[in-house]
Amino acid sequence: MENNVLLRLKHKTPQAELKDKRERTRNSKNIFACPRSDLVQGKVVILVDDISTTGSTLDEAARILKKSGAEKVIGLVVAKG
């Protein structure tokens, strides 16, 4: 198991402060990188998040992981807002 495969590049406005899905989607674009793509290439990645309201952050993280070569990304969320 590998931790910290994703790197947050930018700290933008906290998602909880944004009102709608469009704002949250725009706010979460291009905030992650996967500097060690060798750790995810051809693998199933389980992505864990504490809360998901619109799924924008999970979607963006999954997009970067897939772009880095992950075969599949499974999102697990502790709470739905």
N, C-alpha and C. Protein backbone atom coordinates (compact mmCIF):
# COMPACT_ATOMS: atom_id res chain seq x y z
N MET A 1 0.84 -1.17 0.00
CA MET A 1 0.00 0.00 0.00
C MET A 1 0.89 1.24 0.00
N GLU A 2 0.52 2.20 -0.81
CA GLU A 2 1.25 3.47 -0.89
C GLU A 2 0.34 4.59 -0.40
N ASN A 3 0.89 5.45 0.41
CA ASN A 3 0.17 6.65 0.85
C ASN A 3 0.76 7.86 0.15
N ASN A 4 0.00 8.90 0.09
CA ASN A 4 0.48 10.18 -0.44
C ASN A 4 0.96 10.08 -1.88
N VAL A 5 0.24 9.36 -2.71
CA VAL A 5 0.56 9.25 -4.13
C VAL A 5 0.18 10.54 -4.86
N LEU A 6 -0.86 11.20 -4.38
CA LEU A 6 -1.28 12.48 -4.96
C LEU A 6 -0.62 13.63 -4.21
N LEU A 7 -0.25 14.64 -4.94
CA LEU A 7 0.33 15.84 -4.37
C LEU A 7 -0.61 17.01 -4.67
N ARG A 8 -0.99 17.74 -3.63
CA ARG A 8 -1.84 18.92 -3.84
C ARG A 8 -0.93 20.07 -4.26
N LEU A 9 -1.19 20.60 -5.45
CA LEU A 9 -0.37 21.67 -5.99
C LEU A 9 -0.81 23.05 -5.54
N LYS A 10 -2.11 23.21 -5.35
CA LYS A 10 -2.67 24.52 -5.02
C LYS A 10 -3.63 24.39 -3.85
N HIS A 11 -3.65 25.40 -3.04
CA HIS A 11 -4.66 25.50 -1.97
C HIS A 11 -5.58 26.64 -2.35
N LYS A 12 -6.77 26.28 -2.74
CA LYS A 12 -7.76 27.27 -3.17
C LYS A 12 -8.80 27.44 -2.07
N THR A 13 -9.86 28.13 -2.39
CA THR A 13 -10.96 28.33 -1.45
C THR A 13 -11.48 26.97 -0.99
N PRO A 14 -11.65 26.77 0.33
CA PRO A 14 -12.20 25.49 0.81
C PRO A 14 -13.54 25.19 0.14
N GLN A 15 -13.73 23.95 -0.27
CA GLN A 15 -14.95 23.55 -0.97
C GLN A 15 -16.21 23.86 -0.16
N ALA A 16 -16.12 23.74 1.17
CA ALA A 16 -17.29 23.97 2.03
C ALA A 16 -17.80 25.41 1.93
N GLU A 17 -16.93 26.33 1.51
CA GLU A 17 -17.33 27.74 1.39
C GLU A 17 -18.02 28.04 0.05
N LEU A 18 -17.99 27.09 -0.87
CA LEU A 18 -18.57 27.31 -2.19
C LEU A 18 -20.00 26.78 -2.22
N LYS A 19 -20.85 27.48 -2.96
CA LYS A 19 -22.28 27.20 -2.90
C LYS A 19 -22.79 26.15 -3.88
N ASP A 20 -22.26 26.10 -5.09
CA ASP A 20 -22.84 25.18 -6.06
C ASP A 20 -21.79 24.29 -6.72
N LYS A 21 -22.29 23.28 -7.43
CA LYS A 21 -21.41 22.29 -8.06
C LYS A 21 -20.47 22.93 -9.07
N ARG A 22 -20.94 23.90 -9.82
CA ARG A 22 -20.10 24.55 -10.83
C ARG A 22 -18.89 25.22 -10.18
N GLU A 23 -19.12 25.95 -9.07
CA GLU A 23 -18.02 26.60 -8.36
C GLU A 23 -17.04 25.57 -7.81
N ARG A 24 -17.57 24.49 -7.25
CA ARG A 24 -16.71 23.45 -6.67
C ARG A 24 -15.90 22.74 -7.74
N THR A 25 -16.51 22.50 -8.89
CA THR A 25 -15.79 21.85 -9.99
C THR A 25 -14.67 22.74 -10.48
N ARG A 26 -14.97 24.00 -10.69
CA ARG A 26 -13.95 24.95 -11.16
C ARG A 26 -12.83 25.09 -10.13
N ASN A 27 -13.18 25.10 -8.85
CA ASN A 27 -12.21 25.27 -7.77
C ASN A 27 -11.27 24.07 -7.64
N SER A 28 -11.72 22.89 -8.06
CA SER A 28 -10.91 21.69 -7.88
C SER A 28 -10.08 21.32 -9.11
N LYS A 29 -10.21 22.06 -10.19
CA LYS A 29 -9.45 21.76 -11.42
C LYS A 29 -7.96 22.00 -11.22
N ASN A 30 -7.16 21.05 -11.69
CA ASN A 30 -5.70 21.17 -11.72
C ASN A 30 -5.06 21.45 -10.36
N ILE A 31 -5.63 20.87 -9.29
CA ILE A 31 -5.02 21.08 -7.98
C ILE A 31 -4.16 19.90 -7.54
N PHE A 32 -4.18 18.80 -8.30
CA PHE A 32 -3.40 17.62 -7.93
C PHE A 32 -2.39 17.25 -9.00
N ALA A 33 -1.34 16.56 -8.55
CA ALA A 33 -0.37 15.94 -9.45
C ALA A 33 -0.04 14.57 -8.88
N CYS A 34 0.43 13.71 -9.74
CA CYS A 34 0.87 12.37 -9.33
C CYS A 34 2.34 12.24 -9.75
N PRO A 35 3.26 12.73 -8.91
CA PRO A 35 4.67 12.76 -9.30
C PRO A 35 5.30 11.37 -9.43
N ARG A 36 4.71 10.36 -8.81
CA ARG A 36 5.25 9.00 -8.89
C ARG A 36 4.27 8.11 -9.64
N SER A 37 4.10 8.37 -10.93
CA SER A 37 3.15 7.60 -11.72
C SER A 37 3.51 6.11 -11.75
N ASP A 38 4.78 5.79 -11.51
CA ASP A 38 5.18 4.38 -11.48
C ASP A 38 4.47 3.61 -10.37
N LEU A 39 4.00 4.31 -9.35
CA LEU A 39 3.31 3.65 -8.24
C LEU A 39 1.86 3.29 -8.57
N VAL A 40 1.29 3.91 -9.61
CA VAL A 40 -0.12 3.66 -9.93
C VAL A 40 -0.33 3.00 -11.29
N GLN A 41 0.69 2.97 -12.13
CA GLN A 41 0.52 2.43 -13.48
C GLN A 41 0.04 0.99 -13.45
N GLY A 42 -1.10 0.77 -14.12
CA GLY A 42 -1.67 -0.56 -14.24
C GLY A 42 -2.30 -1.11 -12.98
N LYS A 43 -2.50 -0.27 -11.98
CA LYS A 43 -3.02 -0.73 -10.69
C LYS A 43 -4.42 -0.18 -10.43
N VAL A 44 -5.11 -0.86 -9.52
CA VAL A 44 -6.38 -0.37 -9.01
C VAL A 44 -6.04 0.49 -7.80
N VAL A 45 -6.49 1.73 -7.81
CA VAL A 45 -6.18 2.68 -6.74
C VAL A 45 -7.44 2.94 -5.93
N ILE A 46 -7.32 2.87 -4.61
CA ILE A 46 -8.42 3.20 -3.72
C ILE A 46 -8.15 4.59 -3.16
N LEU A 47 -9.06 5.49 -3.43
CA LEU A 47 -8.93 6.89 -3.04
C LEU A 47 -9.90 7.13 -1.88
N VAL A 48 -9.39 7.60 -0.74
CA VAL A 48 -10.21 7.80 0.45
C VAL A 48 -10.33 9.30 0.73
N ASP A 49 -11.58 9.74 0.95
CA ASP A 49 -11.83 11.15 1.27
C ASP A 49 -12.74 11.21 2.49
N ASP A 50 -12.61 12.27 3.28
CA ASP A 50 -13.40 12.37 4.50
C ASP A 50 -14.86 12.73 4.24
N ILE A 51 -15.11 13.57 3.25
CA ILE A 51 -16.48 13.98 2.95
C ILE A 51 -16.61 14.29 1.46
N SER A 52 -17.78 14.03 0.92
CA SER A 52 -18.04 14.35 -0.48
C SER A 52 -19.44 14.95 -0.59
N THR A 53 -19.50 16.15 -1.12
CA THR A 53 -20.79 16.80 -1.34
C THR A 53 -21.19 16.68 -2.80
N THR A 54 -20.33 17.17 -3.69
CA THR A 54 -20.62 17.09 -5.13
C THR A 54 -19.74 16.07 -5.84
N GLY A 55 -18.67 15.63 -5.20
CA GLY A 55 -17.75 14.69 -5.83
C GLY A 55 -16.69 15.35 -6.69
N SER A 56 -16.64 16.67 -6.71
CA SER A 56 -15.71 17.39 -7.58
C SER A 56 -14.25 17.08 -7.27
N THR A 57 -13.90 17.06 -6.00
CA THR A 57 -12.50 16.80 -5.63
C THR A 57 -12.13 15.36 -5.96
N LEU A 58 -13.02 14.42 -5.65
CA LEU A 58 -12.76 13.01 -5.99
C LEU A 58 -12.64 12.82 -7.50
N ASP A 59 -13.51 13.47 -8.25
CA ASP A 59 -13.46 13.37 -9.72
C ASP A 59 -12.12 13.86 -10.25
N GLU A 60 -11.65 14.99 -9.74
CA GLU A 60 -10.38 15.55 -10.21
C GLU A 60 -9.21 14.66 -9.81
N ALA A 61 -9.22 14.15 -8.58
CA ALA A 61 -8.16 13.26 -8.14
C ALA A 61 -8.14 11.99 -8.99
N ALA A 62 -9.31 11.43 -9.27
CA ALA A 62 -9.40 10.22 -10.10
C ALA A 62 -8.91 10.50 -11.52
N ARG A 63 -9.24 11.67 -12.04
CA ARG A 63 -8.79 12.04 -13.39
C ARG A 63 -7.26 12.05 -13.47
N ILE A 64 -6.62 12.63 -12.48
CA ILE A 64 -5.16 12.69 -12.46
C ILE A 64 -4.56 11.29 -12.31
N LEU A 65 -5.14 10.47 -11.46
CA LEU A 65 -4.63 9.10 -11.27
C LEU A 65 -4.78 8.28 -12.55
N LYS A 66 -5.92 8.40 -13.23
CA LYS A 66 -6.12 7.68 -14.50
C LYS A 66 -5.15 8.19 -15.56
N LYS A 67 -4.96 9.50 -15.61
CA LYS A 67 -4.02 10.10 -16.56
C LYS A 67 -2.59 9.61 -16.28
N SER A 68 -2.31 9.28 -15.02
CA SER A 68 -0.99 8.81 -14.63
C SER A 68 -0.83 7.30 -14.81
N GLY A 69 -1.88 6.64 -15.30
CA GLY A 69 -1.76 5.23 -15.64
C GLY A 69 -2.52 4.25 -14.77
N ALA A 70 -3.28 4.74 -13.78
CA ALA A 70 -4.07 3.83 -12.95
C ALA A 70 -5.09 3.10 -13.83
N GLU A 71 -5.21 1.80 -13.62
CA GLU A 71 -6.18 1.02 -14.39
C GLU A 71 -7.60 1.37 -13.98
N LYS A 72 -7.79 1.54 -12.66
CA LYS A 72 -9.12 1.81 -12.12
C LYS A 72 -8.95 2.61 -10.83
N VAL A 73 -9.88 3.52 -10.56
CA VAL A 73 -9.86 4.28 -9.31
C VAL A 73 -11.19 4.07 -8.61
N ILE A 74 -11.11 3.63 -7.36
CA ILE A 74 -12.29 3.41 -6.53
C ILE A 74 -12.29 4.47 -5.44
N GLY A 75 -13.38 5.22 -5.33
CA GLY A 75 -13.48 6.26 -4.30
C GLY A 75 -14.26 5.76 -3.10
N LEU A 76 -13.68 5.94 -1.92
CA LEU A 76 -14.36 5.62 -0.66
C LEU A 76 -14.51 6.91 0.12
N VAL A 77 -15.73 7.16 0.60
CA VAL A 77 -16.02 8.40 1.31
C VAL A 77 -16.58 8.06 2.68
N VAL A 78 -16.09 8.76 3.71
CA VAL A 78 -16.54 8.52 5.08
C VAL A 78 -17.92 9.13 5.30
N ALA A 79 -18.16 10.34 4.78
CA ALA A 79 -19.44 11.02 4.97
C ALA A 79 -19.86 11.74 3.69
N LYS A 80 -21.15 11.83 3.48
CA LYS A 80 -21.67 12.57 2.33
C LYS A 80 -22.35 13.82 2.87
N GLY A 81 -21.96 14.98 2.32
CA GLY A 81 -22.50 16.26 2.80
C GLY A 81 -23.69 16.71 2.02
